[in-house]
Amino acid sequence: MKNFLLLALLAFLAACGAPEDATTAAAAPSFHAKEVQAHYGEGFAMTDHLGQRRTLADWRGKVVLVFFGYTHCPDACPSALYRFSQVMELLGREAEQVQVLFITLDPARDTPEILGNYAPAFNPAFLGLYVSPERTPEMARAFHVFYQVTPGQTPDRYSVDHSVSTYAYDPAGHLRLEIPHTATPDEVADDVRQLLLESG
């Protein structure tokens, strides 16, 4: 009889603890991408392809996805921007709360006109941004982005090796996620929705 009462008590205590554990697990945000806590690039001024001076604070209230590359990039850059265009479609009306930024690491060739024809070709809301060639190394350091120019057969046919991760800033303007290049549109859309949900 004592053994039966002991087993019943243990079962009751375990049952009482289950809802609390489930609530705790449900309350914790779950992201596909790597979570980061940093202040990369906050306050750094750039110019968009429309000629307007910009900082990340201009998009406060939106999730901001930031990708670094160049328009002559043969694969990573167009595939990333195409993936973001798919993300915007998956988000539907929530896409109005998202801003995608393509920041060039090759401003010598990526003029405002070229950026204006490139980034919005994937989605009209996408913006291309740049700083002068002299300030590009400083900008890359501010965002902790790697890039390296590799000479080509002629002076104007060089390539730029660069980081291919995407930074996601939440609506409060804080860097929250580093999204790998291998992320699927569904995974990115899920993470964006989570960031929007947190902002209420």
N, C-alpha and C. Protein backbone atom coordinates (compact mmCIF):
# COMPACT_ATOMS: atom_id res chain seq x y z
N MET A 1 0.84 -1.21 0.00
CA MET A 1 0.00 0.00 0.00
C MET A 1 0.87 1.26 0.00
N LYS A 2 1.94 1.24 0.81
CA LYS A 2 2.83 2.40 0.87
C LYS A 2 3.50 2.64 -0.49
N ASN A 3 3.89 1.52 -1.14
CA ASN A 3 4.52 1.66 -2.45
C ASN A 3 3.56 2.25 -3.47
N PHE A 4 2.29 1.85 -3.38
CA PHE A 4 1.28 2.37 -4.29
C PHE A 4 1.09 3.87 -4.09
N LEU A 5 1.02 4.32 -2.82
CA LEU A 5 0.85 5.76 -2.53
C LEU A 5 2.05 6.56 -3.00
N LEU A 6 3.26 5.99 -2.84
CA LEU A 6 4.47 6.68 -3.26
C LEU A 6 4.49 6.86 -4.77
N LEU A 7 4.13 5.81 -5.50
CA LEU A 7 4.09 5.88 -6.96
C LEU A 7 3.05 6.89 -7.43
N ALA A 8 1.91 6.91 -6.75
CA ALA A 8 0.85 7.85 -7.11
C ALA A 8 1.29 9.29 -6.89
N LEU A 9 2.02 9.52 -5.76
CA LEU A 9 2.52 10.86 -5.47
C LEU A 9 3.54 11.32 -6.50
N LEU A 10 4.45 10.42 -6.89
CA LEU A 10 5.46 10.76 -7.90
C LEU A 10 4.81 11.08 -9.24
N ALA A 11 3.80 10.31 -9.61
CA ALA A 11 3.10 10.55 -10.86
C ALA A 11 2.40 11.89 -10.84
N PHE A 12 1.81 12.25 -9.67
CA PHE A 12 1.12 13.53 -9.54
C PHE A 12 2.08 14.70 -9.68
N LEU A 13 3.24 14.59 -9.01
CA LEU A 13 4.23 15.66 -9.07
C LEU A 13 4.77 15.82 -10.49
N ALA A 14 4.98 14.71 -11.20
CA ALA A 14 5.47 14.78 -12.57
C ALA A 14 4.45 15.45 -13.47
N ALA A 15 3.18 15.13 -13.26
CA ALA A 15 2.11 15.71 -14.07
C ALA A 15 2.00 17.20 -13.80
N CYS A 16 2.18 17.60 -12.54
CA CYS A 16 2.09 19.02 -12.20
C CYS A 16 3.22 19.82 -12.85
N GLY A 17 4.39 19.19 -12.99
CA GLY A 17 5.52 19.90 -13.57
C GLY A 17 5.49 20.01 -15.08
N ALA A 18 4.73 19.15 -15.75
CA ALA A 18 4.72 19.12 -17.21
C ALA A 18 4.25 20.40 -17.85
N PRO A 19 3.08 20.98 -17.43
CA PRO A 19 2.63 22.20 -18.08
C PRO A 19 3.62 23.35 -17.97
N GLU A 20 4.31 23.48 -16.81
CA GLU A 20 5.27 24.56 -16.63
C GLU A 20 6.43 24.42 -17.59
N ASP A 21 6.93 23.16 -17.75
CA ASP A 21 8.04 22.93 -18.66
C ASP A 21 7.64 23.24 -20.09
N ALA A 22 6.42 22.85 -20.48
CA ALA A 22 5.94 23.09 -21.83
C ALA A 22 5.80 24.58 -22.09
N THR A 23 5.31 25.31 -21.07
CA THR A 23 5.13 26.75 -21.23
C THR A 23 6.48 27.44 -21.41
N THR A 24 7.46 27.00 -20.63
CA THR A 24 8.80 27.58 -20.73
C THR A 24 9.39 27.34 -22.10
N ALA A 25 9.22 26.11 -22.62
CA ALA A 25 9.76 25.79 -23.93
C ALA A 25 9.07 26.59 -25.02
N ALA A 26 7.75 26.78 -24.86
CA ALA A 26 7.00 27.51 -25.88
C ALA A 26 7.36 28.99 -25.87
N ALA A 27 7.71 29.51 -24.67
CA ALA A 27 7.99 30.93 -24.56
C ALA A 27 9.34 31.29 -25.15
N ALA A 28 10.27 30.33 -25.16
CA ALA A 28 11.61 30.61 -25.67
C ALA A 28 11.58 30.70 -27.19
N PRO A 29 12.09 31.79 -27.78
CA PRO A 29 12.10 31.91 -29.23
C PRO A 29 12.99 30.85 -29.86
N SER A 30 12.56 30.36 -31.00
CA SER A 30 13.31 29.33 -31.70
C SER A 30 13.58 29.81 -33.12
N PHE A 31 14.84 29.99 -33.46
CA PHE A 31 15.22 30.47 -34.78
C PHE A 31 16.00 29.40 -35.53
N HIS A 32 15.86 29.42 -36.84
CA HIS A 32 16.68 28.54 -37.68
C HIS A 32 18.10 29.09 -37.77
N ALA A 33 18.22 30.42 -37.85
CA ALA A 33 19.52 31.07 -38.02
C ALA A 33 20.25 31.19 -36.68
N LYS A 34 21.51 31.52 -36.78
CA LYS A 34 22.34 31.71 -35.58
C LYS A 34 21.97 33.02 -34.89
N GLU A 35 21.69 32.95 -33.60
CA GLU A 35 21.38 34.17 -32.84
C GLU A 35 22.68 34.87 -32.44
N VAL A 36 22.68 36.18 -32.59
CA VAL A 36 23.86 36.98 -32.23
C VAL A 36 23.41 38.21 -31.44
N GLN A 37 24.28 38.69 -30.61
CA GLN A 37 24.05 39.93 -29.87
C GLN A 37 25.25 40.83 -30.10
N ALA A 38 25.08 41.77 -31.02
CA ALA A 38 26.17 42.68 -31.38
C ALA A 38 25.57 43.97 -31.89
N HIS A 39 26.42 44.93 -32.18
CA HIS A 39 25.96 46.24 -32.65
C HIS A 39 26.61 46.59 -33.98
N TYR A 40 26.79 45.60 -34.83
CA TYR A 40 27.47 45.82 -36.09
C TYR A 40 26.73 46.86 -36.94
N GLY A 41 27.46 47.87 -37.37
CA GLY A 41 26.95 48.82 -38.35
C GLY A 41 25.91 49.81 -37.87
N GLU A 42 25.47 49.71 -36.63
CA GLU A 42 24.44 50.62 -36.15
C GLU A 42 24.97 52.06 -36.18
N GLY A 43 24.26 52.94 -36.85
CA GLY A 43 24.66 54.33 -36.93
C GLY A 43 25.58 54.65 -38.10
N PHE A 44 26.04 53.62 -38.83
CA PHE A 44 26.93 53.87 -39.96
C PHE A 44 26.13 54.43 -41.12
N ALA A 45 26.58 55.55 -41.69
CA ALA A 45 25.84 56.22 -42.76
C ALA A 45 26.27 55.74 -44.13
N MET A 46 25.28 55.48 -44.98
CA MET A 46 25.51 55.07 -46.36
C MET A 46 24.58 55.87 -47.26
N THR A 47 24.68 55.66 -48.57
CA THR A 47 23.79 56.32 -49.52
C THR A 47 23.06 55.25 -50.32
N ASP A 48 21.74 55.41 -50.49
CA ASP A 48 21.01 54.43 -51.28
C ASP A 48 21.07 54.79 -52.76
N HIS A 49 20.58 53.88 -53.61
CA HIS A 49 20.71 54.10 -55.06
C HIS A 49 19.85 55.26 -55.55
N LEU A 50 18.98 55.78 -54.68
CA LEU A 50 18.18 56.94 -55.03
C LEU A 50 18.86 58.25 -54.62
N GLY A 51 20.04 58.11 -53.98
CA GLY A 51 20.79 59.30 -53.59
C GLY A 51 20.50 59.80 -52.19
N GLN A 52 19.72 59.05 -51.41
CA GLN A 52 19.39 59.48 -50.05
C GLN A 52 20.39 58.90 -49.05
N ARG A 53 20.81 59.74 -48.10
CA ARG A 53 21.72 59.30 -47.04
C ARG A 53 20.93 58.45 -46.05
N ARG A 54 21.48 57.31 -45.68
CA ARG A 54 20.74 56.34 -44.87
C ARG A 54 21.57 55.80 -43.71
N THR A 55 20.87 55.44 -42.62
CA THR A 55 21.42 54.59 -41.56
C THR A 55 20.37 53.53 -41.27
N LEU A 56 20.74 52.50 -40.54
CA LEU A 56 19.79 51.44 -40.22
C LEU A 56 18.59 51.97 -39.44
N ALA A 57 18.77 53.07 -38.72
CA ALA A 57 17.67 53.65 -37.93
C ALA A 57 16.52 54.12 -38.81
N ASP A 58 16.78 54.34 -40.10
CA ASP A 58 15.72 54.78 -41.01
C ASP A 58 14.61 53.73 -41.14
N TRP A 59 14.93 52.48 -40.85
CA TRP A 59 13.94 51.41 -41.00
C TRP A 59 13.50 50.85 -39.64
N ARG A 60 13.61 51.67 -38.61
CA ARG A 60 13.14 51.25 -37.29
C ARG A 60 11.65 50.92 -37.38
N GLY A 61 11.27 49.79 -36.81
CA GLY A 61 9.89 49.32 -36.92
C GLY A 61 9.74 48.20 -37.94
N LYS A 62 10.82 47.93 -38.68
CA LYS A 62 10.82 46.85 -39.66
C LYS A 62 11.94 45.86 -39.36
N VAL A 63 11.77 44.64 -39.84
CA VAL A 63 12.89 43.70 -39.85
C VAL A 63 13.74 44.06 -41.06
N VAL A 64 15.04 44.22 -40.84
CA VAL A 64 15.96 44.61 -41.92
C VAL A 64 16.91 43.46 -42.20
N LEU A 65 16.93 43.02 -43.45
CA LEU A 65 17.84 41.96 -43.89
C LEU A 65 18.95 42.61 -44.72
N VAL A 66 20.19 42.42 -44.29
CA VAL A 66 21.33 43.10 -44.90
C VAL A 66 22.28 42.07 -45.51
N PHE A 67 22.53 42.23 -46.81
CA PHE A 67 23.46 41.33 -47.51
C PHE A 67 24.52 42.17 -48.21
N PHE A 68 25.77 41.73 -48.16
CA PHE A 68 26.89 42.44 -48.76
C PHE A 68 27.39 41.68 -49.98
N GLY A 69 27.65 42.42 -51.06
CA GLY A 69 28.14 41.75 -52.27
C GLY A 69 28.48 42.76 -53.33
N TYR A 70 28.33 42.35 -54.59
CA TYR A 70 28.61 43.27 -55.70
C TYR A 70 27.85 42.76 -56.92
N THR A 71 27.53 43.66 -57.83
CA THR A 71 26.63 43.31 -58.93
C THR A 71 27.27 42.40 -59.96
N HIS A 72 28.61 42.35 -60.01
CA HIS A 72 29.28 41.44 -60.94
C HIS A 72 29.43 40.04 -60.36
N CYS A 73 28.93 39.82 -59.18
CA CYS A 73 29.02 38.52 -58.50
C CYS A 73 28.30 37.46 -59.34
N PRO A 74 28.96 36.34 -59.62
CA PRO A 74 28.36 35.35 -60.52
C PRO A 74 27.32 34.43 -59.89
N ASP A 75 27.35 34.29 -58.57
CA ASP A 75 26.44 33.29 -58.00
C ASP A 75 25.83 33.67 -56.65
N ALA A 76 26.63 33.92 -55.64
CA ALA A 76 26.11 34.11 -54.28
C ALA A 76 25.15 35.28 -54.19
N CYS A 77 25.49 36.40 -54.81
CA CYS A 77 24.65 37.60 -54.67
C CYS A 77 23.29 37.45 -55.36
N PRO A 78 23.26 37.05 -56.63
CA PRO A 78 21.94 36.89 -57.24
C PRO A 78 21.10 35.80 -56.59
N SER A 79 21.75 34.73 -56.14
CA SER A 79 20.96 33.67 -55.49
C SER A 79 20.41 34.14 -54.15
N ALA A 80 21.17 34.96 -53.42
CA ALA A 80 20.69 35.49 -52.14
C ALA A 80 19.50 36.43 -52.36
N LEU A 81 19.62 37.33 -53.32
CA LEU A 81 18.54 38.28 -53.56
C LEU A 81 17.30 37.58 -54.11
N TYR A 82 17.51 36.56 -54.92
CA TYR A 82 16.36 35.78 -55.41
C TYR A 82 15.66 35.07 -54.25
N ARG A 83 16.46 34.53 -53.32
CA ARG A 83 15.88 33.88 -52.15
C ARG A 83 15.06 34.86 -51.33
N PHE A 84 15.56 36.09 -51.18
CA PHE A 84 14.81 37.10 -50.43
C PHE A 84 13.53 37.49 -51.15
N SER A 85 13.54 37.47 -52.47
CA SER A 85 12.31 37.75 -53.20
C SER A 85 11.27 36.67 -52.92
N GLN A 86 11.72 35.43 -52.78
CA GLN A 86 10.81 34.34 -52.43
C GLN A 86 10.29 34.49 -51.00
N VAL A 87 11.18 34.96 -50.11
CA VAL A 87 10.77 35.20 -48.73
C VAL A 87 9.66 36.24 -48.68
N MET A 88 9.80 37.30 -49.45
CA MET A 88 8.78 38.35 -49.46
C MET A 88 7.45 37.81 -49.94
N GLU A 89 7.47 36.92 -50.91
CA GLU A 89 6.22 36.31 -51.39
C GLU A 89 5.60 35.44 -50.31
N LEU A 90 6.43 34.69 -49.59
CA LEU A 90 5.92 33.83 -48.53
C LEU A 90 5.30 34.65 -47.39
N LEU A 91 5.85 35.82 -47.13
CA LEU A 91 5.37 36.66 -46.03
C LEU A 91 4.05 37.34 -46.34
N GLY A 92 3.72 37.48 -47.60
CA GLY A 92 2.46 38.13 -47.95
C GLY A 92 2.43 39.57 -47.48
N ARG A 93 1.37 39.95 -46.77
CA ARG A 93 1.23 41.33 -46.31
C ARG A 93 2.29 41.71 -45.28
N GLU A 94 2.83 40.70 -44.58
CA GLU A 94 3.88 40.98 -43.59
C GLU A 94 5.16 41.49 -44.26
N ALA A 95 5.28 41.29 -45.57
CA ALA A 95 6.47 41.77 -46.28
C ALA A 95 6.59 43.28 -46.21
N GLU A 96 5.49 43.97 -45.96
CA GLU A 96 5.52 45.43 -45.84
C GLU A 96 6.33 45.86 -44.61
N GLN A 97 6.55 44.92 -43.68
CA GLN A 97 7.30 45.21 -42.47
C GLN A 97 8.75 44.73 -42.56
N VAL A 98 9.21 44.48 -43.78
CA VAL A 98 10.57 43.97 -44.01
C VAL A 98 11.27 44.84 -45.05
N GLN A 99 12.54 45.15 -44.79
CA GLN A 99 13.35 45.88 -45.76
C GLN A 99 14.61 45.08 -46.06
N VAL A 100 14.84 44.80 -47.33
CA VAL A 100 16.05 44.11 -47.77
C VAL A 100 17.04 45.15 -48.31
N LEU A 101 18.28 45.09 -47.81
CA LEU A 101 19.32 46.02 -48.24
C LEU A 101 20.47 45.23 -48.86
N PHE A 102 20.88 45.66 -50.04
CA PHE A 102 22.04 45.08 -50.71
C PHE A 102 23.15 46.13 -50.68
N ILE A 103 24.20 45.88 -49.90
CA ILE A 103 25.29 46.84 -49.73
C ILE A 103 26.48 46.39 -50.55
N THR A 104 26.91 47.23 -51.50
CA THR A 104 27.99 46.83 -52.39
C THR A 104 29.36 46.95 -51.72
N LEU A 105 30.19 45.99 -52.05
CA LEU A 105 31.60 46.01 -51.65
C LEU A 105 32.48 46.43 -52.82
N ASP A 106 31.83 46.86 -53.90
CA ASP A 106 32.55 47.24 -55.12
C ASP A 106 31.98 48.55 -55.67
N PRO A 107 32.05 49.63 -54.89
CA PRO A 107 31.44 50.89 -55.34
C PRO A 107 32.12 51.51 -56.56
N ALA A 108 33.34 51.10 -56.87
CA ALA A 108 34.01 51.64 -58.04
C ALA A 108 33.26 51.26 -59.32
N ARG A 109 32.69 50.07 -59.34
CA ARG A 109 31.92 49.65 -60.51
C ARG A 109 30.41 49.76 -60.29
N ASP A 110 29.99 49.57 -59.03
CA ASP A 110 28.55 49.59 -58.73
C ASP A 110 28.09 51.02 -58.50
N THR A 111 27.83 51.72 -59.58
CA THR A 111 27.33 53.09 -59.50
C THR A 111 25.89 53.08 -59.00
N PRO A 112 25.36 54.22 -58.54
CA PRO A 112 23.95 54.28 -58.13
C PRO A 112 23.01 53.77 -59.20
N GLU A 113 23.28 54.10 -60.46
CA GLU A 113 22.42 53.64 -61.55
C GLU A 113 22.43 52.13 -61.66
N ILE A 114 23.62 51.53 -61.56
CA ILE A 114 23.72 50.07 -61.65
C ILE A 114 23.04 49.41 -60.47
N LEU A 115 23.27 49.93 -59.27
CA LEU A 115 22.60 49.39 -58.08
C LEU A 115 21.09 49.52 -58.21
N GLY A 116 20.63 50.66 -58.78
CA GLY A 116 19.20 50.90 -58.93
C GLY A 116 18.55 49.97 -59.93
N ASN A 117 19.33 49.46 -60.85
CA ASN A 117 18.80 48.49 -61.81
C ASN A 117 18.92 47.06 -61.30
N TYR A 118 19.84 46.86 -60.35
CA TYR A 118 20.15 45.49 -59.90
C TYR A 118 19.25 45.04 -58.75
N ALA A 119 19.36 45.70 -57.60
CA ALA A 119 18.61 45.23 -56.42
C ALA A 119 17.09 45.21 -56.64
N PRO A 120 16.48 46.27 -57.15
CA PRO A 120 15.03 46.26 -57.33
C PRO A 120 14.54 45.30 -58.41
N ALA A 121 15.46 44.77 -59.23
CA ALA A 121 15.05 43.80 -60.23
C ALA A 121 14.53 42.52 -59.57
N PHE A 122 14.99 42.25 -58.36
CA PHE A 122 14.53 41.06 -57.63
C PHE A 122 13.24 41.34 -56.89
N ASN A 123 13.08 42.59 -56.43
CA ASN A 123 11.86 43.05 -55.77
C ASN A 123 11.91 44.57 -55.76
N PRO A 124 10.84 45.24 -56.17
CA PRO A 124 10.88 46.70 -56.26
C PRO A 124 11.21 47.40 -54.95
N ALA A 125 10.98 46.73 -53.82
CA ALA A 125 11.24 47.36 -52.52
C ALA A 125 12.69 47.23 -52.08
N PHE A 126 13.48 46.41 -52.76
CA PHE A 126 14.87 46.21 -52.36
C PHE A 126 15.68 47.47 -52.68
N LEU A 127 16.63 47.78 -51.80
CA LEU A 127 17.47 48.95 -51.98
C LEU A 127 18.94 48.56 -52.09
N GLY A 128 19.66 49.24 -52.98
CA GLY A 128 21.10 49.10 -53.05
C GLY A 128 21.75 50.26 -52.32
N LEU A 129 22.78 50.00 -51.52
CA LEU A 129 23.47 51.04 -50.78
C LEU A 129 24.97 50.98 -51.05
N TYR A 130 25.63 52.12 -50.84
CA TYR A 130 27.07 52.18 -51.07
C TYR A 130 27.69 53.29 -50.25
N VAL A 131 28.99 53.19 -50.09
CA VAL A 131 29.82 54.31 -49.62
C VAL A 131 30.92 54.47 -50.64
N SER A 132 31.73 55.48 -50.50
CA SER A 132 32.80 55.71 -51.46
C SER A 132 33.82 54.57 -51.39
N PRO A 133 34.58 54.35 -52.46
CA PRO A 133 35.63 53.32 -52.40
C PRO A 133 36.59 53.50 -51.23
N GLU A 134 36.86 54.76 -50.88
CA GLU A 134 37.79 55.03 -49.77
C GLU A 134 37.20 54.60 -48.43
N ARG A 135 35.86 54.67 -48.30
CA ARG A 135 35.23 54.34 -47.02
C ARG A 135 34.74 52.90 -46.95
N THR A 136 34.83 52.16 -48.05
CA THR A 136 34.32 50.79 -48.06
C THR A 136 35.03 49.89 -47.04
N PRO A 137 36.36 49.95 -46.92
CA PRO A 137 37.01 49.13 -45.88
C PRO A 137 36.50 49.46 -44.48
N GLU A 138 36.28 50.74 -44.21
CA GLU A 138 35.77 51.16 -42.90
C GLU A 138 34.36 50.59 -42.68
N MET A 139 33.54 50.66 -43.72
CA MET A 139 32.18 50.13 -43.62
C MET A 139 32.20 48.62 -43.37
N ALA A 140 33.07 47.91 -44.08
CA ALA A 140 33.17 46.46 -43.91
C ALA A 140 33.59 46.11 -42.48
N ARG A 141 34.52 46.88 -41.93
CA ARG A 141 34.93 46.64 -40.54
C ARG A 141 33.78 46.92 -39.58
N ALA A 142 33.01 47.96 -39.83
CA ALA A 142 31.90 48.30 -38.94
C ALA A 142 30.87 47.18 -38.88
N PHE A 143 30.68 46.49 -40.00
CA PHE A 143 29.71 45.38 -40.05
C PHE A 143 30.36 44.02 -39.87
N HIS A 144 31.66 43.99 -39.63
CA HIS A 144 32.41 42.74 -39.46
C HIS A 144 32.23 41.83 -40.68
N VAL A 145 32.39 42.42 -41.85
CA VAL A 145 32.24 41.69 -43.10
C VAL A 145 33.61 41.50 -43.73
N PHE A 146 33.87 40.28 -44.20
CA PHE A 146 35.12 39.99 -44.90
C PHE A 146 34.94 40.23 -46.39
N TYR A 147 35.94 40.85 -47.02
CA TYR A 147 35.98 40.89 -48.49
C TYR A 147 37.41 41.08 -48.94
N GLN A 148 37.68 40.61 -50.15
CA GLN A 148 39.04 40.69 -50.70
C GLN A 148 38.95 40.73 -52.22
N VAL A 149 39.62 41.70 -52.81
CA VAL A 149 39.62 41.85 -54.26
C VAL A 149 40.66 40.91 -54.88
N THR A 150 40.22 40.14 -55.87
CA THR A 150 41.12 39.23 -56.59
C THR A 150 41.30 39.74 -58.00
N PRO A 151 42.54 40.09 -58.39
CA PRO A 151 42.77 40.64 -59.74
C PRO A 151 42.34 39.66 -60.84
N GLY A 152 41.88 40.24 -61.97
CA GLY A 152 41.50 39.45 -63.13
C GLY A 152 42.50 39.61 -64.25
N GLN A 153 42.11 39.18 -65.45
CA GLN A 153 43.01 39.27 -66.60
C GLN A 153 43.25 40.71 -67.03
N THR A 154 42.27 41.58 -66.75
CA THR A 154 42.42 43.01 -67.02
C THR A 154 42.05 43.77 -65.77
N PRO A 155 42.48 45.02 -65.63
CA PRO A 155 42.22 45.79 -64.40
C PRO A 155 40.75 45.91 -64.04
N ASP A 156 39.85 45.91 -65.02
CA ASP A 156 38.43 46.09 -64.73
C ASP A 156 37.65 44.79 -64.63
N ARG A 157 38.37 43.66 -64.66
CA ARG A 157 37.68 42.36 -64.60
C ARG A 157 38.07 41.58 -63.34
N TYR A 158 38.22 42.30 -62.26
CA TYR A 158 38.54 41.66 -60.99
C TYR A 158 37.28 41.07 -60.37
N SER A 159 37.48 40.22 -59.38
CA SER A 159 36.36 39.65 -58.61
C SER A 159 36.54 40.03 -57.15
N VAL A 160 35.48 39.87 -56.39
CA VAL A 160 35.51 40.23 -54.97
C VAL A 160 35.03 39.03 -54.15
N ASP A 161 35.94 38.42 -53.43
CA ASP A 161 35.56 37.35 -52.50
C ASP A 161 34.98 38.01 -51.25
N HIS A 162 33.88 37.47 -50.75
CA HIS A 162 33.23 38.15 -49.62
C HIS A 162 32.39 37.19 -48.79
N SER A 163 32.04 37.65 -47.60
CA SER A 163 31.15 36.90 -46.72
C SER A 163 29.79 36.74 -47.40
N VAL A 164 29.10 35.64 -47.11
CA VAL A 164 27.82 35.41 -47.77
C VAL A 164 26.66 35.25 -46.78
N SER A 165 26.92 35.53 -45.51
CA SER A 165 25.83 35.48 -44.53
C SER A 165 25.01 36.77 -44.62
N THR A 166 23.79 36.69 -44.14
CA THR A 166 22.89 37.84 -44.10
C THR A 166 22.64 38.22 -42.65
N TYR A 167 22.65 39.51 -42.35
CA TYR A 167 22.33 39.98 -41.01
C TYR A 167 20.85 40.35 -40.96
N ALA A 168 20.19 39.95 -39.88
CA ALA A 168 18.79 40.31 -39.65
C ALA A 168 18.69 41.19 -38.41
N TYR A 169 18.19 42.39 -38.59
CA TYR A 169 17.96 43.33 -37.49
C TYR A 169 16.48 43.33 -37.15
N ASP A 170 16.17 43.34 -35.86
CA ASP A 170 14.76 43.32 -35.45
C ASP A 170 14.16 44.72 -35.56
N PRO A 171 12.83 44.84 -35.37
CA PRO A 171 12.18 46.15 -35.51
C PRO A 171 12.69 47.23 -34.55
N ALA A 172 13.35 46.81 -33.47
CA ALA A 172 13.93 47.78 -32.54
C ALA A 172 15.30 48.26 -33.00
N GLY A 173 15.82 47.69 -34.10
CA GLY A 173 17.10 48.10 -34.64
C GLY A 173 18.29 47.33 -34.12
N HIS A 174 18.03 46.20 -33.44
CA HIS A 174 19.12 45.41 -32.87
C HIS A 174 19.46 44.23 -33.79
N LEU A 175 20.75 43.98 -33.97
CA LEU A 175 21.18 42.81 -34.72
C LEU A 175 20.82 41.56 -33.92
N ARG A 176 20.09 40.64 -34.57
CA ARG A 176 19.61 39.46 -33.85
C ARG A 176 20.08 38.14 -34.47
N LEU A 177 20.17 38.10 -35.80
CA LEU A 177 20.44 36.83 -36.46
C LEU A 177 21.52 36.96 -37.53
N GLU A 178 22.30 35.92 -37.67
CA GLU A 178 23.19 35.76 -38.82
C GLU A 178 22.68 34.57 -39.62
N ILE A 179 22.12 34.86 -40.78
CA ILE A 179 21.45 33.85 -41.58
C ILE A 179 22.45 33.24 -42.57
N PRO A 180 22.63 31.93 -42.55
CA PRO A 180 23.59 31.31 -43.47
C PRO A 180 23.08 31.33 -44.90
N HIS A 181 24.00 31.25 -45.83
CA HIS A 181 23.64 31.28 -47.25
C HIS A 181 22.84 30.04 -47.64
N THR A 182 22.93 28.99 -46.84
CA THR A 182 22.22 27.74 -47.12
C THR A 182 20.78 27.75 -46.63
N ALA A 183 20.36 28.81 -45.96
CA ALA A 183 19.00 28.87 -45.42
C ALA A 183 17.97 28.85 -46.55
N THR A 184 16.87 28.16 -46.34
CA THR A 184 15.81 28.10 -47.35
C THR A 184 14.89 29.30 -47.19
N PRO A 185 14.12 29.66 -48.22
CA PRO A 185 13.16 30.76 -48.09
C PRO A 185 12.18 30.54 -46.95
N ASP A 186 11.74 29.29 -46.76
CA ASP A 186 10.80 29.00 -45.66
C ASP A 186 11.44 29.26 -44.31
N GLU A 187 12.70 28.87 -44.15
CA GLU A 187 13.39 29.09 -42.87
C GLU A 187 13.56 30.58 -42.60
N VAL A 188 13.95 31.34 -43.62
CA VAL A 188 14.13 32.78 -43.43
C VAL A 188 12.79 33.43 -43.10
N ALA A 189 11.74 33.04 -43.81
CA ALA A 189 10.41 33.60 -43.55
C ALA A 189 9.96 33.29 -42.13
N ASP A 190 10.22 32.08 -41.66
CA ASP A 190 9.87 31.71 -40.28
C ASP A 190 10.59 32.61 -39.28
N ASP A 191 11.88 32.84 -39.50
CA ASP A 191 12.65 33.67 -38.58
C ASP A 191 12.18 35.12 -38.60
N VAL A 192 11.84 35.62 -39.79
CA VAL A 192 11.33 36.99 -39.89
C VAL A 192 10.01 37.12 -39.13
N ARG A 193 9.14 36.15 -39.29
CA ARG A 193 7.85 36.18 -38.57
C ARG A 193 8.08 36.19 -37.06
N GLN A 194 9.07 35.41 -36.60
CA GLN A 194 9.36 35.36 -35.17
C GLN A 194 9.83 36.71 -34.67
N LEU A 195 10.68 37.39 -35.44
CA LEU A 195 11.15 38.72 -35.04
C LEU A 195 10.00 39.72 -35.03
N LEU A 196 9.10 39.63 -35.99
CA LEU A 196 7.94 40.52 -36.02
C LEU A 196 7.00 40.22 -34.85
N LEU A 197 6.86 38.95 -34.53
CA LEU A 197 5.98 38.56 -33.42
C LEU A 197 6.51 39.10 -32.09
N GLU A 198 7.81 39.05 -31.92
CA GLU A 198 8.41 39.56 -30.69
C GLU A 198 8.16 41.05 -30.51
N SER A 199 8.11 41.76 -31.63
CA SER A 199 7.93 43.22 -31.55
C SER A 199 6.51 43.61 -31.25
N GLY A 200 5.61 42.63 -31.30
CA GLY A 200 4.21 42.88 -30.93
C GLY A 200 3.41 43.49 -32.04
